[in-house]
Amino acid sequence: MVIIFIGFLILFIGMFSSSRKEGNVEAGGVIIIGPVPIVFGSSKNISTLMLILAIILTVIVLITYIIGLKGWS
């Protein structure tokens, strides 16, 4: 629940800070279906950034899974 709140907070901060500036808007995202990340973006730079994010998220999930199997002991 806290992560969702932080995500909305970052979204609103970005909306209000970008309304004062002129510039290009780029968007991207990651959809993880099972172990397969699907990456999309509006430019090559954003797609690369989303790919890095997908790798980081996949590693975090794997570490969490391994810790869950073995326990903390």
N, C-alpha and C. Protein backbone atom coordinates (compact mmCIF):
# COMPACT_ATOMS: atom_id res chain seq x y z
N MET A 1 0.82 -1.19 0.00
CA MET A 1 0.00 0.00 0.00
C MET A 1 0.87 1.26 0.00
N VAL A 2 1.97 1.19 0.74
CA VAL A 2 2.87 2.33 0.81
C VAL A 2 3.52 2.59 -0.54
N ILE A 3 3.87 1.52 -1.26
CA ILE A 3 4.49 1.69 -2.56
C ILE A 3 3.54 2.36 -3.54
N ILE A 4 2.27 2.01 -3.48
CA ILE A 4 1.28 2.65 -4.35
C ILE A 4 1.17 4.13 -4.02
N PHE A 5 1.15 4.47 -2.74
CA PHE A 5 1.09 5.87 -2.33
C PHE A 5 2.32 6.63 -2.82
N ILE A 6 3.49 6.04 -2.68
CA ILE A 6 4.72 6.70 -3.13
C ILE A 6 4.68 6.90 -4.65
N GLY A 7 4.16 5.92 -5.38
CA GLY A 7 4.04 6.05 -6.83
C GLY A 7 3.14 7.20 -7.23
N PHE A 8 1.99 7.33 -6.57
CA PHE A 8 1.09 8.45 -6.87
C PHE A 8 1.73 9.78 -6.48
N LEU A 9 2.45 9.80 -5.38
CA LEU A 9 3.12 11.03 -4.94
C LEU A 9 4.16 11.47 -5.97
N ILE A 10 4.95 10.54 -6.46
CA ILE A 10 5.94 10.87 -7.49
C ILE A 10 5.25 11.35 -8.76
N LEU A 11 4.15 10.73 -9.11
CA LEU A 11 3.39 11.13 -10.30
C LEU A 11 2.90 12.56 -10.18
N PHE A 12 2.31 12.91 -9.05
CA PHE A 12 1.80 14.27 -8.86
C PHE A 12 2.93 15.30 -8.81
N ILE A 13 4.03 14.97 -8.16
CA ILE A 13 5.16 15.89 -8.12
C ILE A 13 5.68 16.13 -9.53
N GLY A 14 5.77 15.07 -10.33
CA GLY A 14 6.22 15.21 -11.71
C GLY A 14 5.27 16.04 -12.55
N MET A 15 3.96 15.88 -12.34
CA MET A 15 2.99 16.66 -13.10
C MET A 15 3.10 18.14 -12.79
N PHE A 16 3.23 18.48 -11.52
CA PHE A 16 3.27 19.88 -11.14
C PHE A 16 4.61 20.53 -11.48
N SER A 17 5.70 19.79 -11.40
CA SER A 17 6.99 20.39 -11.72
C SER A 17 7.18 20.53 -13.22
N SER A 18 6.59 19.63 -14.01
CA SER A 18 6.74 19.72 -15.46
C SER A 18 5.83 20.76 -16.08
N SER A 19 4.82 21.22 -15.37
CA SER A 19 3.92 22.22 -15.94
C SER A 19 4.61 23.58 -16.06
N ARG A 20 5.68 23.78 -15.33
CA ARG A 20 6.40 25.05 -15.38
C ARG A 20 7.51 25.04 -16.42
N LYS A 21 7.89 23.88 -16.90
CA LYS A 21 9.01 23.76 -17.82
C LYS A 21 8.53 23.33 -19.19
N GLU A 22 9.32 23.68 -20.18
CA GLU A 22 9.04 23.22 -21.54
C GLU A 22 10.04 22.13 -21.87
N GLY A 23 9.62 21.11 -22.56
CA GLY A 23 10.53 20.03 -22.91
C GLY A 23 9.80 18.86 -23.52
N ASN A 24 10.56 17.85 -23.83
CA ASN A 24 10.00 16.65 -24.43
C ASN A 24 9.50 15.71 -23.34
N VAL A 25 8.44 15.01 -23.65
CA VAL A 25 7.89 14.03 -22.73
C VAL A 25 8.18 12.65 -23.31
N GLU A 26 8.78 11.79 -22.49
CA GLU A 26 9.05 10.43 -22.91
C GLU A 26 8.39 9.49 -21.92
N ALA A 27 7.90 8.38 -22.42
CA ALA A 27 7.21 7.42 -21.56
C ALA A 27 7.70 6.02 -21.85
N GLY A 28 7.59 5.18 -20.84
CA GLY A 28 7.98 3.79 -21.00
C GLY A 28 7.39 2.97 -19.88
N GLY A 29 7.50 1.67 -20.02
CA GLY A 29 6.96 0.81 -18.98
C GLY A 29 7.48 -0.60 -19.08
N VAL A 30 7.20 -1.34 -18.03
CA VAL A 30 7.61 -2.75 -17.94
C VAL A 30 6.40 -3.55 -17.50
N ILE A 31 6.10 -4.60 -18.24
CA ILE A 31 5.06 -5.55 -17.84
C ILE A 31 5.76 -6.88 -17.62
N ILE A 32 5.63 -7.42 -16.42
CA ILE A 32 6.28 -8.69 -16.12
C ILE A 32 5.20 -9.78 -16.06
N ILE A 33 5.27 -10.70 -17.01
CA ILE A 33 4.34 -11.83 -17.07
C ILE A 33 5.16 -13.08 -16.76
N GLY A 34 4.96 -13.59 -15.55
CA GLY A 34 5.78 -14.72 -15.11
C GLY A 34 7.22 -14.27 -15.00
N PRO A 35 8.14 -15.03 -15.58
CA PRO A 35 9.55 -14.62 -15.52
C PRO A 35 9.97 -13.74 -16.70
N VAL A 36 9.04 -13.42 -17.59
CA VAL A 36 9.38 -12.71 -18.82
C VAL A 36 8.98 -11.23 -18.73
N PRO A 37 9.97 -10.33 -18.74
CA PRO A 37 9.63 -8.90 -18.76
C PRO A 37 9.37 -8.42 -20.19
N ILE A 38 8.34 -7.63 -20.37
CA ILE A 38 8.04 -7.00 -21.65
C ILE A 38 8.27 -5.51 -21.47
N VAL A 39 9.17 -4.96 -22.28
CA VAL A 39 9.61 -3.57 -22.13
C VAL A 39 9.12 -2.77 -23.32
N PHE A 40 8.62 -1.56 -23.05
CA PHE A 40 8.24 -0.66 -24.14
C PHE A 40 8.60 0.77 -23.76
N GLY A 41 8.81 1.60 -24.76
CA GLY A 41 9.14 2.99 -24.51
C GLY A 41 9.00 3.83 -25.76
N SER A 42 8.94 5.14 -25.56
CA SER A 42 8.74 6.05 -26.68
C SER A 42 10.06 6.42 -27.37
N SER A 43 11.18 6.09 -26.75
CA SER A 43 12.48 6.35 -27.37
C SER A 43 13.45 5.24 -26.97
N LYS A 44 14.60 5.22 -27.63
CA LYS A 44 15.59 4.19 -27.34
C LYS A 44 16.14 4.35 -25.93
N ASN A 45 16.35 5.59 -25.49
CA ASN A 45 16.87 5.82 -24.14
C ASN A 45 15.91 5.32 -23.07
N ILE A 46 14.64 5.61 -23.22
CA ILE A 46 13.65 5.17 -22.24
C ILE A 46 13.51 3.65 -22.27
N SER A 47 13.55 3.05 -23.45
CA SER A 47 13.46 1.59 -23.54
C SER A 47 14.64 0.93 -22.84
N THR A 48 15.84 1.51 -23.00
CA THR A 48 17.02 0.98 -22.31
C THR A 48 16.87 1.11 -20.81
N LEU A 49 16.37 2.25 -20.35
CA LEU A 49 16.15 2.46 -18.92
C LEU A 49 15.11 1.47 -18.37
N MET A 50 14.06 1.23 -19.13
CA MET A 50 13.03 0.27 -18.70
C MET A 50 13.58 -1.16 -18.69
N LEU A 51 14.48 -1.48 -19.62
CA LEU A 51 15.10 -2.80 -19.63
C LEU A 51 15.95 -2.99 -18.37
N ILE A 52 16.70 -1.97 -17.98
CA ILE A 52 17.49 -2.03 -16.75
C ILE A 52 16.57 -2.19 -15.55
N LEU A 53 15.47 -1.46 -15.53
CA LEU A 53 14.50 -1.58 -14.44
C LEU A 53 13.92 -2.99 -14.39
N ALA A 54 13.62 -3.57 -15.55
CA ALA A 54 13.07 -4.93 -15.60
C ALA A 54 14.07 -5.94 -15.05
N ILE A 55 15.33 -5.78 -15.38
CA ILE A 55 16.36 -6.69 -14.87
C ILE A 55 16.47 -6.56 -13.36
N ILE A 56 16.47 -5.34 -12.85
CA ILE A 56 16.55 -5.11 -11.41
C ILE A 56 15.35 -5.73 -10.70
N LEU A 57 14.15 -5.51 -11.24
CA LEU A 57 12.95 -6.08 -10.62
C LEU A 57 12.97 -7.61 -10.64
N THR A 58 13.44 -8.20 -11.73
CA THR A 58 13.52 -9.65 -11.83
C THR A 58 14.50 -10.21 -10.81
N VAL A 59 15.64 -9.55 -10.64
CA VAL A 59 16.63 -10.00 -9.65
C VAL A 59 16.06 -9.89 -8.23
N ILE A 60 15.35 -8.80 -7.94
CA ILE A 60 14.73 -8.64 -6.62
C ILE A 60 13.72 -9.75 -6.35
N VAL A 61 12.92 -10.07 -7.35
CA VAL A 61 11.92 -11.14 -7.18
C VAL A 61 12.62 -12.48 -6.96
N LEU A 62 13.67 -12.76 -7.70
CA LEU A 62 14.40 -14.02 -7.52
C LEU A 62 15.04 -14.12 -6.14
N ILE A 63 15.65 -13.03 -5.68
CA ILE A 63 16.25 -13.02 -4.34
C ILE A 63 15.18 -13.23 -3.28
N THR A 64 14.06 -12.56 -3.42
CA THR A 64 12.97 -12.73 -2.46
C THR A 64 12.45 -14.16 -2.46
N TYR A 65 12.35 -14.76 -3.62
CA TYR A 65 11.89 -16.15 -3.73
C TYR A 65 12.87 -17.10 -3.06
N ILE A 66 14.16 -16.91 -3.31
CA ILE A 66 15.17 -17.78 -2.70
C ILE A 66 15.19 -17.63 -1.19
N ILE A 67 15.09 -16.41 -0.70
CA ILE A 67 15.04 -16.18 0.74
C ILE A 67 13.79 -16.84 1.33
N GLY A 68 12.68 -16.76 0.63
CA GLY A 68 11.44 -17.37 1.10
C GLY A 68 11.53 -18.89 1.17
N LEU A 69 12.26 -19.49 0.24
CA LEU A 69 12.42 -20.95 0.26
C LEU A 69 13.32 -21.41 1.40
N LYS A 70 14.42 -20.69 1.60
CA LYS A 70 15.39 -21.09 2.62
C LYS A 70 15.07 -20.54 3.99
N GLY A 71 14.34 -19.46 4.04
CA GLY A 71 14.07 -18.80 5.31
C GLY A 71 15.25 -17.92 5.69
N TRP A 72 15.13 -17.24 6.79
CA TRP A 72 16.17 -16.31 7.22
C TRP A 72 17.30 -17.01 7.98
N SER A 73 17.13 -18.28 8.32
CA SER A 73 18.14 -18.97 9.13
C SER A 73 19.31 -19.47 8.33
